[in-house]
Amino acid sequence: MSRQKYGGREKGTPNRLTTKVKDKLERILDECIESLSVDDMSKQEKLKAIQLCLQYLMPKPTPEREDKNIVQHFEVEIIDNLKDQ
């Protein structure tokens, strides 16, 4: 049972404060990235930067799932070599 809604944002309307904060953080991040000099970074710092960036550029692999509805048939053949000796 839902109650009658009075005032506030309509469903689907973005929160203005959240939008402003995200915009500000995006500008700060852009300025920080522009100020970075790859030439001044050590190999370890470069590798760490690559590692961090790849998380956002490459999709994460999804684990392979087994289909439980597939019936697999196999045969076991037992060879008795002791009778020949």
Protein backbone atom coordinates (compact mmCIF):
# COMPACT_ATOMS: atom_id res chain seq x y z
CA MET A 1 0.00 0.00 0.00
CA SER A 2 1.53 3.31 -1.07
CA ARG A 3 0.75 6.67 0.42
CA GLN A 4 -0.20 9.82 -1.45
CA LYS A 5 2.91 11.88 -2.27
CA TYR A 6 2.80 15.62 -1.59
CA GLY A 7 5.55 17.93 -2.88
CA GLY A 8 9.16 16.96 -3.50
CA ARG A 9 10.69 15.72 -6.71
CA GLU A 10 8.70 13.79 -9.26
CA LYS A 11 9.83 10.27 -10.01
CA GLY A 12 12.83 10.26 -12.37
CA THR A 13 13.85 13.88 -11.64
CA PRO A 14 17.56 14.02 -10.74
CA ASN A 15 18.59 15.44 -7.39
CA ARG A 16 20.02 18.95 -8.01
CA LEU A 17 22.54 18.75 -5.17
CA THR A 18 23.87 15.39 -6.35
CA THR A 19 24.19 16.75 -9.89
CA LYS A 20 26.09 19.83 -8.68
CA VAL A 21 28.47 17.72 -6.57
CA LYS A 22 29.13 15.33 -9.46
CA ASP A 23 29.80 18.23 -11.84
CA LYS A 24 32.23 19.85 -9.37
CA LEU A 25 34.07 16.56 -8.78
CA GLU A 26 34.30 16.00 -12.53
CA ARG A 27 35.91 19.42 -13.04
CA ILE A 28 38.38 18.79 -10.18
CA LEU A 29 39.26 15.37 -11.61
CA ASP A 30 39.76 16.82 -15.10
CA GLU A 31 42.13 19.46 -13.71
CA CYS A 32 44.09 16.82 -11.78
CA ILE A 33 44.42 14.59 -14.83
CA GLU A 34 45.57 17.49 -17.01
CA SER A 35 48.23 18.41 -14.44
CA LEU A 36 49.75 14.89 -14.41
CA SER A 37 53.00 14.41 -16.27
CA VAL A 38 53.66 10.84 -17.32
CA ASP A 39 57.35 11.69 -17.81
CA ASP A 40 57.66 12.51 -14.09
CA MET A 41 56.09 9.23 -12.95
CA SER A 42 58.05 6.17 -11.87
CA LYS A 43 57.38 2.81 -13.51
CA GLN A 44 55.48 1.72 -10.42
CA GLU A 45 53.26 4.82 -10.54
CA LYS A 46 52.59 4.31 -14.25
CA LEU A 47 51.61 0.69 -13.69
CA LYS A 48 49.30 1.69 -10.82
CA ALA A 49 47.67 4.36 -13.00
CA ILE A 50 47.14 1.83 -15.79
CA GLN A 51 45.66 -0.64 -13.31
CA LEU A 52 43.22 1.96 -11.99
CA CYS A 53 42.19 3.19 -15.44
CA LEU A 54 41.62 -0.28 -16.88
CA GLN A 55 38.94 -0.94 -14.26
CA TYR A 56 36.82 1.72 -15.93
CA LEU A 57 37.75 1.00 -19.55
CA MET A 58 37.57 -2.79 -19.77
CA PRO A 59 34.46 -4.80 -18.90
CA LYS A 60 34.87 -7.24 -16.05
CA PRO A 61 34.87 -10.86 -17.20
CA THR A 62 31.76 -12.78 -16.31
CA PRO A 63 32.27 -16.24 -14.88
CA GLU A 64 31.29 -19.10 -17.12
CA ARG A 65 28.13 -20.69 -15.90
CA GLU A 66 27.38 -24.32 -16.26
CA ASP A 67 24.06 -25.22 -17.80
CA LYS A 68 22.58 -27.78 -15.44
CA ASN A 69 20.05 -28.94 -18.02
CA ILE A 70 22.69 -30.44 -20.32
CA VAL A 71 23.03 -34.19 -19.84
CA GLN A 72 26.54 -35.47 -20.38
CA HIS A 73 27.07 -39.12 -21.29
CA PHE A 74 30.35 -40.91 -20.86
CA GLU A 75 31.54 -44.50 -20.89
CA VAL A 76 34.15 -46.16 -18.73
CA GLU A 77 36.05 -49.03 -20.31
CA ILE A 78 37.95 -51.29 -17.96
CA ILE A 79 40.85 -53.14 -19.52
CA ASP A 80 42.05 -56.18 -17.63
CA ASN A 81 45.72 -56.73 -18.51
CA LEU A 82 46.27 -59.35 -15.79
CA LYS A 83 44.61 -62.16 -17.77
CA ASP A 84 47.18 -61.94 -20.58
CA GLN A 85 50.19 -62.51 -18.29
